[in-house]
């Protein structure tokens, strides 16, 4: 089938009929580039960031990357074209990002930043849709869950749960770590079956 030439970055659109992006993965580097790979090697190199690439996510034919240059770039994975650049603010390096599972029509990503913010961006319009504050230090980890939730981890040793459609503050703060929180994830498929076999 012919690839869809429309660069519309909506990841909620119907899957592209072109199989060209099957079995690919993407990496970001200190060398300020992204690379698209398959098992045969590097297929393409994406250039545009001016500092090292710290986080990225891919959904269908859209790649979103964040970097220490305080920008988020939206890429067409088929053409390698940078569709738009989102400015997080001067000196506001990006540490983590994730697609938002809000079930809405708009494609959105959530980011954690150097300036202790949790931000949600509308990828299609390039606008900042929501911003939460509450962490006392940099936000190193972020994941979306359910229809409205975000979980974040920070250099302030805490985990926070946020309602992206609620107030600007965290709904719940969890204490217990004695060092920076570098990763966190919800259970994407909670199963009441106590069988520990993941298969």
N, C-alpha and C. Protein backbone atom coordinates (compact mmCIF):
# COMPACT_ATOMS: atom_id res chain seq x y z
N UNK A 1 0.84 -1.20 0.00
CA UNK A 1 0.00 0.00 0.00
C UNK A 1 0.87 1.25 0.00
N UNK A 2 0.33 2.34 -0.51
CA UNK A 2 1.09 3.57 -0.55
C UNK A 2 1.10 4.22 0.82
N UNK A 3 2.23 4.83 1.21
CA UNK A 3 2.29 5.51 2.49
C UNK A 3 1.38 6.72 2.49
N UNK A 4 0.87 7.08 3.65
CA UNK A 4 0.02 8.25 3.78
C UNK A 4 0.90 9.49 3.85
N UNK A 5 0.81 10.42 2.86
CA UNK A 5 1.71 11.56 2.86
C UNK A 5 1.33 12.63 3.87
N UNK A 6 0.18 12.53 4.50
CA UNK A 6 -0.28 13.53 5.43
C UNK A 6 0.59 13.52 6.68
N UNK A 7 1.25 14.66 7.00
CA UNK A 7 2.14 14.66 8.17
C UNK A 7 1.41 14.91 9.47
N UNK A 8 0.08 14.89 9.46
CA UNK A 8 -0.71 15.11 10.66
C UNK A 8 -0.20 14.22 11.78
N UNK A 9 0.25 14.84 12.91
CA UNK A 9 0.88 14.04 13.96
C UNK A 9 -0.08 13.42 14.95
N UNK A 10 -1.36 13.34 14.60
CA UNK A 10 -2.32 12.76 15.52
C UNK A 10 -2.08 11.27 15.67
N UNK A 11 -1.57 10.81 16.84
CA UNK A 11 -1.31 9.38 17.01
C UNK A 11 -2.56 8.58 17.24
N UNK A 12 -3.71 9.27 17.41
CA UNK A 12 -4.96 8.56 17.60
C UNK A 12 -5.65 8.24 16.28
N UNK A 13 -5.03 8.66 15.18
CA UNK A 13 -5.60 8.37 13.86
C UNK A 13 -5.49 6.89 13.58
N UNK A 14 -6.19 6.46 12.54
CA UNK A 14 -6.11 5.06 12.15
C UNK A 14 -4.67 4.69 11.81
N UNK A 15 -4.24 3.48 12.11
CA UNK A 15 -2.86 3.09 11.81
C UNK A 15 -2.55 3.26 10.33
N UNK A 16 -1.34 3.74 10.05
CA UNK A 16 -0.91 3.93 8.67
C UNK A 16 -0.85 2.58 7.98
N UNK A 17 -1.44 2.47 6.76
CA UNK A 17 -1.43 1.17 6.09
C UNK A 17 -0.05 0.76 5.60
N UNK A 18 0.88 1.71 5.57
CA UNK A 18 2.23 1.39 5.11
C UNK A 18 2.94 0.55 6.17
N UNK A 19 3.43 -0.64 5.82
CA UNK A 19 4.14 -1.47 6.80
C UNK A 19 5.59 -1.03 7.02
N UNK A 20 5.99 0.09 6.43
CA UNK A 20 7.39 0.49 6.44
C UNK A 20 7.92 0.77 7.85
N UNK A 21 7.02 1.07 8.80
CA UNK A 21 7.47 1.38 10.15
C UNK A 21 7.32 0.20 11.11
N UNK A 22 6.99 -0.96 10.60
CA UNK A 22 6.93 -2.13 11.47
C UNK A 22 8.34 -2.56 11.86
N UNK A 23 8.47 -3.02 13.08
CA UNK A 23 9.75 -3.56 13.58
C UNK A 23 10.86 -2.52 13.55
N UNK A 24 10.52 -1.25 13.81
CA UNK A 24 11.55 -0.23 13.94
C UNK A 24 11.59 0.25 15.39
N UNK A 25 12.71 0.84 15.76
CA UNK A 25 12.82 1.48 17.06
C UNK A 25 13.66 2.74 16.89
N UNK A 26 13.59 3.61 17.90
CA UNK A 26 14.20 4.92 17.81
C UNK A 26 15.10 5.13 19.02
N UNK A 27 16.23 5.78 18.80
CA UNK A 27 17.15 6.11 19.90
C UNK A 27 17.48 7.59 19.86
N UNK A 28 17.82 8.13 21.03
CA UNK A 28 18.27 9.51 21.16
C UNK A 28 19.60 9.53 21.89
N UNK A 29 20.46 10.50 21.55
CA UNK A 29 21.85 10.41 21.98
C UNK A 29 22.42 11.74 22.49
N UNK A 30 23.55 11.60 23.19
CA UNK A 30 24.36 12.75 23.56
C UNK A 30 24.85 13.50 22.32
N UNK A 31 24.87 12.84 21.16
CA UNK A 31 25.33 13.51 19.93
C UNK A 31 24.26 14.41 19.32
N UNK A 32 23.11 14.59 20.04
CA UNK A 32 22.03 15.51 19.68
C UNK A 32 21.15 15.01 18.54
N UNK A 33 21.32 13.76 18.16
CA UNK A 33 20.51 13.21 17.07
C UNK A 33 19.57 12.13 17.58
N UNK A 34 18.56 11.83 16.74
CA UNK A 34 17.73 10.64 16.88
C UNK A 34 18.05 9.74 15.70
N UNK A 35 17.99 8.44 15.92
CA UNK A 35 18.17 7.49 14.85
C UNK A 35 17.02 6.51 14.83
N UNK A 36 16.54 6.22 13.63
CA UNK A 36 15.50 5.22 13.43
C UNK A 36 16.19 3.95 12.92
N UNK A 37 15.92 2.82 13.60
CA UNK A 37 16.62 1.57 13.32
C UNK A 37 15.64 0.46 12.97
N UNK A 38 16.13 -0.51 12.23
CA UNK A 38 15.52 -1.82 12.19
C UNK A 38 16.65 -2.83 12.42
N UNK A 39 16.35 -4.10 12.31
CA UNK A 39 17.37 -5.09 12.63
C UNK A 39 18.52 -5.10 11.62
N UNK A 40 18.34 -4.40 10.51
CA UNK A 40 19.40 -4.30 9.52
C UNK A 40 20.35 -3.15 9.75
N UNK A 41 20.00 -2.26 10.70
CA UNK A 41 20.88 -1.13 10.99
C UNK A 41 20.11 0.18 11.01
N UNK A 42 20.84 1.28 10.88
CA UNK A 42 20.25 2.61 10.94
C UNK A 42 19.55 2.94 9.62
N UNK A 43 18.28 3.31 9.71
CA UNK A 43 17.52 3.67 8.52
C UNK A 43 17.57 5.17 8.22
N UNK A 44 17.61 5.99 9.28
CA UNK A 44 17.68 7.43 9.08
C UNK A 44 18.14 8.11 10.36
N UNK A 45 18.67 9.32 10.21
CA UNK A 45 19.14 10.14 11.32
C UNK A 45 18.37 11.45 11.31
N UNK A 46 17.82 11.83 12.45
CA UNK A 46 17.04 13.05 12.58
C UNK A 46 17.85 14.08 13.34
N UNK A 47 18.05 15.23 12.74
CA UNK A 47 18.87 16.29 13.33
C UNK A 47 18.03 17.54 13.55
N UNK A 48 18.31 18.24 14.63
CA UNK A 48 17.60 19.47 14.93
C UNK A 48 17.84 19.95 16.35
N UNK A 49 17.91 19.02 17.30
CA UNK A 49 18.20 19.42 18.67
C UNK A 49 19.61 19.99 18.76
N UNK A 50 19.78 20.96 19.66
CA UNK A 50 21.09 21.59 19.83
C UNK A 50 21.79 21.16 21.12
N UNK A 51 21.18 20.25 21.84
CA UNK A 51 21.81 19.65 23.02
C UNK A 51 21.33 18.20 23.09
N UNK A 52 21.86 17.44 24.04
CA UNK A 52 21.64 16.00 23.98
C UNK A 52 20.18 15.62 24.21
N UNK A 53 19.79 14.57 23.52
CA UNK A 53 18.40 14.08 23.53
C UNK A 53 18.22 13.18 24.75
N UNK A 54 17.32 13.56 25.63
CA UNK A 54 17.18 12.88 26.92
C UNK A 54 15.97 11.95 27.00
N UNK A 55 14.97 12.14 26.13
CA UNK A 55 13.76 11.33 26.23
C UNK A 55 13.03 11.35 24.89
N UNK A 56 12.28 10.30 24.64
CA UNK A 56 11.50 10.25 23.40
C UNK A 56 10.41 9.20 23.52
N UNK A 57 9.45 9.31 22.61
CA UNK A 57 8.37 8.33 22.53
C UNK A 57 7.90 8.29 21.08
N UNK A 58 7.45 7.11 20.66
CA UNK A 58 6.96 6.94 19.30
C UNK A 58 5.58 6.30 19.36
N UNK A 59 4.69 6.78 18.52
CA UNK A 59 3.37 6.18 18.38
C UNK A 59 2.98 6.26 16.90
N UNK A 60 2.78 5.10 16.31
CA UNK A 60 2.50 5.01 14.88
C UNK A 60 3.59 5.75 14.11
N UNK A 61 3.24 6.77 13.34
CA UNK A 61 4.26 7.41 12.51
C UNK A 61 4.74 8.74 13.09
N UNK A 62 4.52 8.95 14.39
CA UNK A 62 4.92 10.19 15.04
C UNK A 62 5.96 9.90 16.12
N UNK A 63 7.04 10.66 16.11
CA UNK A 63 8.06 10.61 17.14
C UNK A 63 8.06 11.95 17.86
N UNK A 64 8.13 11.91 19.18
CA UNK A 64 8.26 13.12 19.99
C UNK A 64 9.53 12.97 20.81
N UNK A 65 10.38 13.99 20.79
CA UNK A 65 11.65 13.93 21.52
C UNK A 65 11.83 15.17 22.39
N UNK A 66 12.47 14.97 23.53
CA UNK A 66 12.81 16.08 24.42
C UNK A 66 14.31 16.10 24.65
N UNK A 67 14.84 17.30 24.91
CA UNK A 67 16.29 17.43 25.00
C UNK A 67 16.69 18.47 26.03
N UNK A 68 17.99 18.51 26.28
CA UNK A 68 18.54 19.50 27.20
C UNK A 68 18.57 20.89 26.59
N UNK A 69 18.16 21.05 25.33
CA UNK A 69 18.03 22.38 24.75
C UNK A 69 16.69 23.03 25.09
N UNK A 70 15.92 22.39 25.99
CA UNK A 70 14.63 22.91 26.47
C UNK A 70 13.58 22.94 25.37
N UNK A 71 13.68 22.05 24.40
CA UNK A 71 12.66 21.96 23.36
C UNK A 71 12.13 20.54 23.25
N UNK A 72 10.90 20.46 22.74
CA UNK A 72 10.27 19.20 22.36
C UNK A 72 10.07 19.27 20.85
N UNK A 73 10.53 18.25 20.15
CA UNK A 73 10.38 18.23 18.70
C UNK A 73 9.43 17.09 18.30
N UNK A 74 8.59 17.40 17.34
CA UNK A 74 7.62 16.44 16.81
C UNK A 74 8.07 16.09 15.40
N UNK A 75 8.24 14.78 15.12
CA UNK A 75 8.80 14.32 13.87
C UNK A 75 7.84 13.38 13.14
N UNK A 76 7.88 13.44 11.82
CA UNK A 76 7.24 12.44 10.99
C UNK A 76 8.24 11.30 10.80
N UNK A 77 7.90 10.12 11.32
CA UNK A 77 8.85 9.01 11.29
C UNK A 77 9.08 8.48 9.89
N UNK A 78 8.13 8.70 8.99
CA UNK A 78 8.30 8.22 7.62
C UNK A 78 9.28 9.08 6.83
N UNK A 79 9.11 10.40 6.93
CA UNK A 79 9.92 11.31 6.13
C UNK A 79 11.14 11.84 6.88
N UNK A 80 11.12 11.77 8.22
CA UNK A 80 12.18 12.37 9.02
C UNK A 80 12.03 13.86 9.20
N UNK A 81 10.93 14.42 8.71
CA UNK A 81 10.69 15.86 8.81
C UNK A 81 10.33 16.25 10.24
N UNK A 82 10.90 17.37 10.72
CA UNK A 82 10.48 17.93 12.00
C UNK A 82 9.24 18.78 11.75
N UNK A 83 8.12 18.37 12.32
CA UNK A 83 6.84 19.02 12.07
C UNK A 83 6.66 20.29 12.87
N UNK A 84 7.17 20.31 14.09
CA UNK A 84 7.08 21.51 14.91
C UNK A 84 8.02 21.40 16.10
N UNK A 85 8.33 22.55 16.68
CA UNK A 85 9.21 22.64 17.85
C UNK A 85 8.44 23.35 18.96
N UNK A 86 8.38 22.73 20.14
CA UNK A 86 7.70 23.29 21.29
C UNK A 86 8.76 23.78 22.28
N UNK A 87 8.60 25.00 22.76
CA UNK A 87 9.58 25.62 23.64
C UNK A 87 9.14 25.48 25.09
N UNK A 88 9.93 24.77 25.89
CA UNK A 88 9.57 24.53 27.30
C UNK A 88 9.97 25.69 28.20
N UNK A 89 10.78 26.62 27.70
CA UNK A 89 11.23 27.74 28.52
C UNK A 89 12.73 27.74 28.66
N UNK A 90 13.32 28.92 28.72
CA UNK A 90 14.77 29.04 28.75
C UNK A 90 15.39 28.25 29.91
N UNK A 91 16.34 27.40 29.59
CA UNK A 91 17.02 26.62 30.60
C UNK A 91 16.22 25.48 31.19
N UNK A 92 15.02 25.24 30.64
CA UNK A 92 14.12 24.24 31.22
C UNK A 92 14.30 22.90 30.51
N UNK A 93 15.41 22.24 30.77
CA UNK A 93 15.75 20.98 30.12
C UNK A 93 14.65 19.95 30.33
N UNK A 94 14.47 19.10 29.33
CA UNK A 94 13.50 18.02 29.40
C UNK A 94 14.19 16.75 29.89
N UNK A 95 13.59 16.09 30.90
CA UNK A 95 14.15 14.86 31.45
C UNK A 95 13.34 13.62 31.09
N UNK A 96 12.05 13.79 30.85
CA UNK A 96 11.20 12.62 30.60
C UNK A 96 9.95 13.07 29.88
N UNK A 97 9.35 12.16 29.13
CA UNK A 97 8.07 12.46 28.48
C UNK A 97 7.32 11.17 28.22
N UNK A 98 6.01 11.31 28.02
CA UNK A 98 5.16 10.17 27.73
C UNK A 98 3.92 10.66 26.99
N UNK A 99 3.37 9.81 26.12
CA UNK A 99 2.07 10.13 25.54
C UNK A 99 1.02 10.09 26.63
N UNK A 100 0.05 10.99 26.54
CA UNK A 100 -1.03 11.06 27.52
C UNK A 100 -2.18 10.19 27.06
N UNK A 101 -2.63 9.30 27.93
CA UNK A 101 -3.74 8.39 27.64
C UNK A 101 -5.04 9.02 28.13
N UNK A 102 -5.45 10.12 27.50
CA UNK A 102 -6.65 10.80 27.98
C UNK A 102 -7.90 10.42 27.23
N UNK A 103 -7.75 9.63 26.15
CA UNK A 103 -8.91 9.18 25.42
C UNK A 103 -9.58 10.26 24.58
N UNK A 104 -8.98 11.46 24.54
CA UNK A 104 -9.57 12.54 23.76
C UNK A 104 -9.12 12.51 22.31
N UNK A 105 -9.59 13.51 21.57
CA UNK A 105 -9.27 13.56 20.15
C UNK A 105 -7.88 14.12 19.90
N UNK A 106 -7.35 14.90 20.83
CA UNK A 106 -6.08 15.55 20.62
C UNK A 106 -4.92 14.67 21.06
N UNK A 107 -3.82 14.76 20.30
CA UNK A 107 -2.60 14.05 20.67
C UNK A 107 -1.83 14.93 21.65
N UNK A 108 -1.53 14.38 22.81
CA UNK A 108 -0.85 15.18 23.83
C UNK A 108 0.29 14.37 24.45
N UNK A 109 1.32 15.10 24.88
CA UNK A 109 2.41 14.47 25.59
C UNK A 109 2.62 15.21 26.92
N UNK A 110 3.04 14.46 27.93
CA UNK A 110 3.36 15.02 29.24
C UNK A 110 4.86 14.95 29.43
N UNK A 111 5.43 15.99 30.04
CA UNK A 111 6.87 16.08 30.22
C UNK A 111 7.22 16.43 31.66
N UNK A 112 8.42 16.01 32.08
CA UNK A 112 9.00 16.43 33.35
C UNK A 112 10.23 17.26 33.07
N UNK A 113 10.43 18.34 33.84
CA UNK A 113 11.42 19.33 33.47
C UNK A 113 12.39 19.68 34.60
N UNK A 114 13.43 20.41 34.18
CA UNK A 114 14.44 20.89 35.11
C UNK A 114 13.86 21.89 36.11
N UNK A 115 12.88 22.66 35.68
CA UNK A 115 12.30 23.69 36.54
C UNK A 115 11.17 23.15 37.41
N UNK A 116 11.14 21.84 37.62
CA UNK A 116 10.26 21.17 38.58
C UNK A 116 8.81 21.12 38.12
N UNK A 117 8.57 21.37 36.84
CA UNK A 117 7.21 21.40 36.33
C UNK A 117 6.81 20.06 35.72
N UNK A 118 5.51 19.82 35.73
CA UNK A 118 4.89 18.76 34.93
C UNK A 118 4.06 19.48 33.88
N UNK A 119 4.37 19.27 32.61
CA UNK A 119 3.70 20.00 31.54
C UNK A 119 2.99 19.02 30.60
N UNK A 120 1.85 19.43 30.08
CA UNK A 120 1.15 18.67 29.04
C UNK A 120 1.03 19.56 27.82
N UNK A 121 1.46 19.02 26.68
CA UNK A 121 1.49 19.77 25.43
C UNK A 121 0.53 19.15 24.43
N UNK A 122 -0.19 20.01 23.71
CA UNK A 122 -0.98 19.57 22.58
C UNK A 122 -0.05 19.49 21.37
N UNK A 123 0.19 18.29 20.89
CA UNK A 123 1.17 18.08 19.83
C UNK A 123 0.71 18.70 18.52
N UNK A 124 -0.58 18.71 18.27
CA UNK A 124 -1.09 19.22 17.00
C UNK A 124 -0.99 20.74 16.92
N UNK A 125 -1.36 21.42 18.00
CA UNK A 125 -1.35 22.88 17.99
C UNK A 125 -0.01 23.46 18.44
N UNK A 126 0.76 22.66 19.19
CA UNK A 126 2.00 23.16 19.74
C UNK A 126 1.83 23.99 21.00
N UNK A 127 0.61 23.98 21.57
CA UNK A 127 0.32 24.81 22.74
C UNK A 127 0.49 24.03 24.04
N UNK A 128 0.90 24.75 25.08
CA UNK A 128 0.95 24.18 26.41
C UNK A 128 -0.47 24.09 26.94
N UNK A 129 -0.95 22.87 27.20
CA UNK A 129 -2.34 22.66 27.59
C UNK A 129 -2.54 22.67 29.11
N UNK A 130 -1.52 22.31 29.85
CA UNK A 130 -1.66 22.19 31.31
C UNK A 130 -0.28 22.19 31.93
N UNK A 131 -0.19 22.75 33.12
CA UNK A 131 1.10 22.74 33.84
C UNK A 131 0.84 22.56 35.32
N UNK A 132 1.53 21.62 35.93
CA UNK A 132 1.40 21.37 37.35
C UNK A 132 2.70 21.63 38.08
N UNK A 133 2.59 22.11 39.30
CA UNK A 133 3.75 22.36 40.15
C UNK A 133 3.55 21.68 41.50
N UNK A 134 4.62 21.26 42.08
CA UNK A 134 4.53 20.60 43.38
C UNK A 134 5.84 19.96 43.79
N UNK A 135 6.59 19.44 42.83
CA UNK A 135 7.89 18.89 43.16
C UNK A 135 8.86 20.01 43.56
N UNK A 136 9.76 19.69 44.47
CA UNK A 136 10.72 20.67 44.94
C UNK A 136 12.04 20.62 44.18
N UNK A 137 12.21 19.58 43.37
CA UNK A 137 13.40 19.47 42.54
C UNK A 137 13.01 18.91 41.17
N UNK A 138 14.01 18.65 40.35
CA UNK A 138 13.76 18.25 38.96
C UNK A 138 12.88 17.00 38.88
N UNK A 139 12.08 16.94 37.81
CA UNK A 139 11.18 15.80 37.57
C UNK A 139 11.87 14.86 36.59
N UNK A 140 12.20 13.66 37.06
CA UNK A 140 12.99 12.71 36.28
C UNK A 140 12.17 11.60 35.62
N UNK A 141 10.95 11.37 36.09
CA UNK A 141 10.16 10.25 35.58
C UNK A 141 8.71 10.66 35.46
N UNK A 142 8.05 10.20 34.39
CA UNK A 142 6.63 10.52 34.21
C UNK A 142 5.97 9.42 33.40
N UNK A 143 4.75 9.05 33.82
CA UNK A 143 3.93 8.08 33.08
C UNK A 143 2.47 8.49 33.19
N UNK A 144 1.73 8.22 32.13
CA UNK A 144 0.30 8.48 32.11
C UNK A 144 -0.45 7.18 32.42
N UNK A 145 -1.60 7.31 33.09
CA UNK A 145 -2.42 6.12 33.33
C UNK A 145 -3.88 6.51 33.40
N UNK A 146 -4.74 5.55 33.09
CA UNK A 146 -6.16 5.80 33.12
C UNK A 146 -6.55 6.90 32.15
N UNK A 147 -7.67 7.56 32.42
CA UNK A 147 -8.15 8.62 31.54
C UNK A 147 -7.58 9.98 31.90
N UNK A 148 -7.12 10.16 33.14
CA UNK A 148 -6.75 11.50 33.58
C UNK A 148 -5.49 11.55 34.43
N UNK A 149 -4.88 10.40 34.72
CA UNK A 149 -3.83 10.38 35.72
C UNK A 149 -2.42 10.48 35.17
N UNK A 150 -1.54 11.03 35.99
CA UNK A 150 -0.10 11.05 35.74
C UNK A 150 0.60 10.65 37.03
N UNK A 151 1.69 9.91 36.90
CA UNK A 151 2.55 9.61 38.03
C UNK A 151 3.94 10.13 37.70
N UNK A 152 4.57 10.82 38.66
CA UNK A 152 5.89 11.41 38.43
C UNK A 152 6.84 11.05 39.57
N UNK A 153 8.12 11.03 39.24
CA UNK A 153 9.17 10.84 40.23
C UNK A 153 10.17 11.97 40.11
N UNK A 154 10.80 12.33 41.23
CA UNK A 154 11.61 13.55 41.25
C UNK A 154 12.89 13.38 42.06
N UNK A 155 13.80 14.33 41.83
CA UNK A 155 15.01 14.41 42.64
C UNK A 155 14.71 14.77 44.08
N UNK A 156 13.48 15.18 44.38
CA UNK A 156 13.11 15.48 45.77
C UNK A 156 12.74 14.23 46.56
N UNK A 157 12.95 13.04 45.96
CA UNK A 157 12.75 11.73 46.59
C UNK A 157 11.28 11.32 46.67
N UNK A 158 10.37 12.05 46.04
CA UNK A 158 8.96 11.73 46.15
C UNK A 158 8.38 11.22 44.83
N UNK A 159 7.26 10.52 44.96
CA UNK A 159 6.40 10.14 43.84
C UNK A 159 5.10 10.92 44.00
N UNK A 160 4.61 11.50 42.91
CA UNK A 160 3.37 12.26 42.97
C UNK A 160 2.37 11.74 41.95
N UNK A 161 1.10 11.75 42.35
CA UNK A 161 -0.01 11.39 41.47
C UNK A 161 -0.78 12.67 41.15
N UNK A 162 -1.07 12.87 39.87
CA UNK A 162 -1.71 14.10 39.41
C UNK A 162 -3.00 13.77 38.66
N UNK A 163 -3.96 14.69 38.76
CA UNK A 163 -5.16 14.66 37.94
C UNK A 163 -5.02 15.79 36.94
N UNK A 164 -4.79 15.45 35.67
CA UNK A 164 -4.50 16.47 34.67
C UNK A 164 -5.68 17.37 34.39
N UNK A 165 -6.88 16.98 34.81
CA UNK A 165 -8.05 17.82 34.60
C UNK A 165 -8.49 18.51 35.90
N UNK A 166 -7.66 18.37 36.93
CA UNK A 166 -8.00 18.97 38.21
C UNK A 166 -7.16 20.20 38.50
N UNK A 167 -6.79 20.36 39.74
CA UNK A 167 -6.01 21.52 40.15
C UNK A 167 -4.59 21.41 39.63
N UNK A 168 -3.80 22.47 39.81
CA UNK A 168 -2.43 22.49 39.34
C UNK A 168 -1.48 21.74 40.27
N UNK A 169 -1.98 21.36 41.43
CA UNK A 169 -1.13 20.64 42.36
C UNK A 169 -1.35 19.15 42.30
N UNK A 170 -0.45 18.41 42.92
CA UNK A 170 -0.56 16.96 42.94
C UNK A 170 -1.71 16.53 43.85
N UNK A 171 -2.39 15.46 43.47
CA UNK A 171 -3.47 14.92 44.29
C UNK A 171 -2.92 14.15 45.49
N UNK A 172 -1.76 13.53 45.28
CA UNK A 172 -1.20 12.66 46.31
C UNK A 172 0.31 12.66 46.20
N UNK A 173 0.99 12.76 47.34
CA UNK A 173 2.45 12.70 47.38
C UNK A 173 2.85 11.49 48.23
N UNK A 174 3.71 10.66 47.66
CA UNK A 174 4.15 9.43 48.32
C UNK A 174 5.61 9.56 48.73
N UNK A 175 5.87 9.29 50.00
CA UNK A 175 7.22 9.39 50.55
C UNK A 175 7.75 7.99 50.88
N UNK A 176 9.04 7.84 50.84
CA UNK A 176 9.64 6.55 51.18
C UNK A 176 11.03 6.38 50.59
N UNK A 177 11.25 6.89 49.40
CA UNK A 177 12.58 6.82 48.80
C UNK A 177 13.54 7.76 49.55
N UNK A 178 14.77 7.36 49.61
CA UNK A 178 15.79 8.18 50.26
C UNK A 178 16.74 8.82 49.27
N UNK A 179 16.50 8.61 47.98
CA UNK A 179 17.30 9.20 46.92
C UNK A 179 16.36 9.60 45.77
N UNK A 180 16.88 10.32 44.77
CA UNK A 180 16.03 10.72 43.65
C UNK A 180 15.30 9.54 43.01
N UNK A 181 14.05 9.78 42.61
CA UNK A 181 13.23 8.78 41.93
C UNK A 181 13.44 8.92 40.43
N UNK A 182 13.99 7.89 39.81
CA UNK A 182 14.40 7.96 38.42
C UNK A 182 13.43 7.25 37.46
N UNK A 183 12.49 6.48 37.98
CA UNK A 183 11.57 5.74 37.12
C UNK A 183 10.30 5.42 37.91
N UNK A 184 9.22 5.26 37.17
CA UNK A 184 7.96 4.87 37.79
C UNK A 184 6.98 4.46 36.72
N UNK A 185 6.11 3.52 37.04
CA UNK A 185 5.10 3.11 36.07
C UNK A 185 3.87 2.59 36.80
N UNK A 186 2.68 2.87 36.27
CA UNK A 186 1.49 2.20 36.77
C UNK A 186 1.41 0.81 36.18
N UNK A 187 0.52 -0.01 36.71
CA UNK A 187 0.24 -1.32 36.13
C UNK A 187 -0.72 -1.11 34.97
N UNK A 188 -0.28 -1.33 33.72
CA UNK A 188 -1.16 -1.03 32.59
C UNK A 188 -2.34 -1.96 32.46
N UNK A 189 -2.24 -3.17 32.99
CA UNK A 189 -3.32 -4.15 32.86
C UNK A 189 -3.54 -4.86 34.19
N UNK A 190 -4.11 -4.16 35.17
CA UNK A 190 -4.33 -4.80 36.46
C UNK A 190 -5.19 -6.05 36.32
N UNK A 191 -4.76 -7.13 36.95
CA UNK A 191 -5.45 -8.41 36.84
C UNK A 191 -5.67 -8.95 38.24
N UNK A 192 -6.92 -9.22 38.59
CA UNK A 192 -7.17 -9.72 39.95
C UNK A 192 -6.66 -11.13 40.17
N UNK A 193 -6.26 -11.83 39.10
CA UNK A 193 -5.76 -13.18 39.24
C UNK A 193 -4.40 -13.14 39.94
N UNK A 194 -4.23 -13.80 41.10
CA UNK A 194 -2.96 -13.73 41.82
C UNK A 194 -1.86 -14.60 41.22
N UNK A 195 -2.15 -15.31 40.14
CA UNK A 195 -1.12 -16.15 39.51
C UNK A 195 0.06 -15.30 39.08
N UNK A 196 1.28 -15.54 39.61
CA UNK A 196 2.41 -14.67 39.27
C UNK A 196 3.01 -14.93 37.90
N UNK A 197 2.49 -15.91 37.17
CA UNK A 197 3.04 -16.21 35.85
C UNK A 197 2.65 -15.11 34.86
N UNK A 198 3.63 -14.29 34.35
CA UNK A 198 3.27 -13.17 33.46
C UNK A 198 2.78 -13.63 32.12
N UNK A 199 2.93 -14.93 31.79
CA UNK A 199 2.47 -15.44 30.51
C UNK A 199 1.02 -15.91 30.59
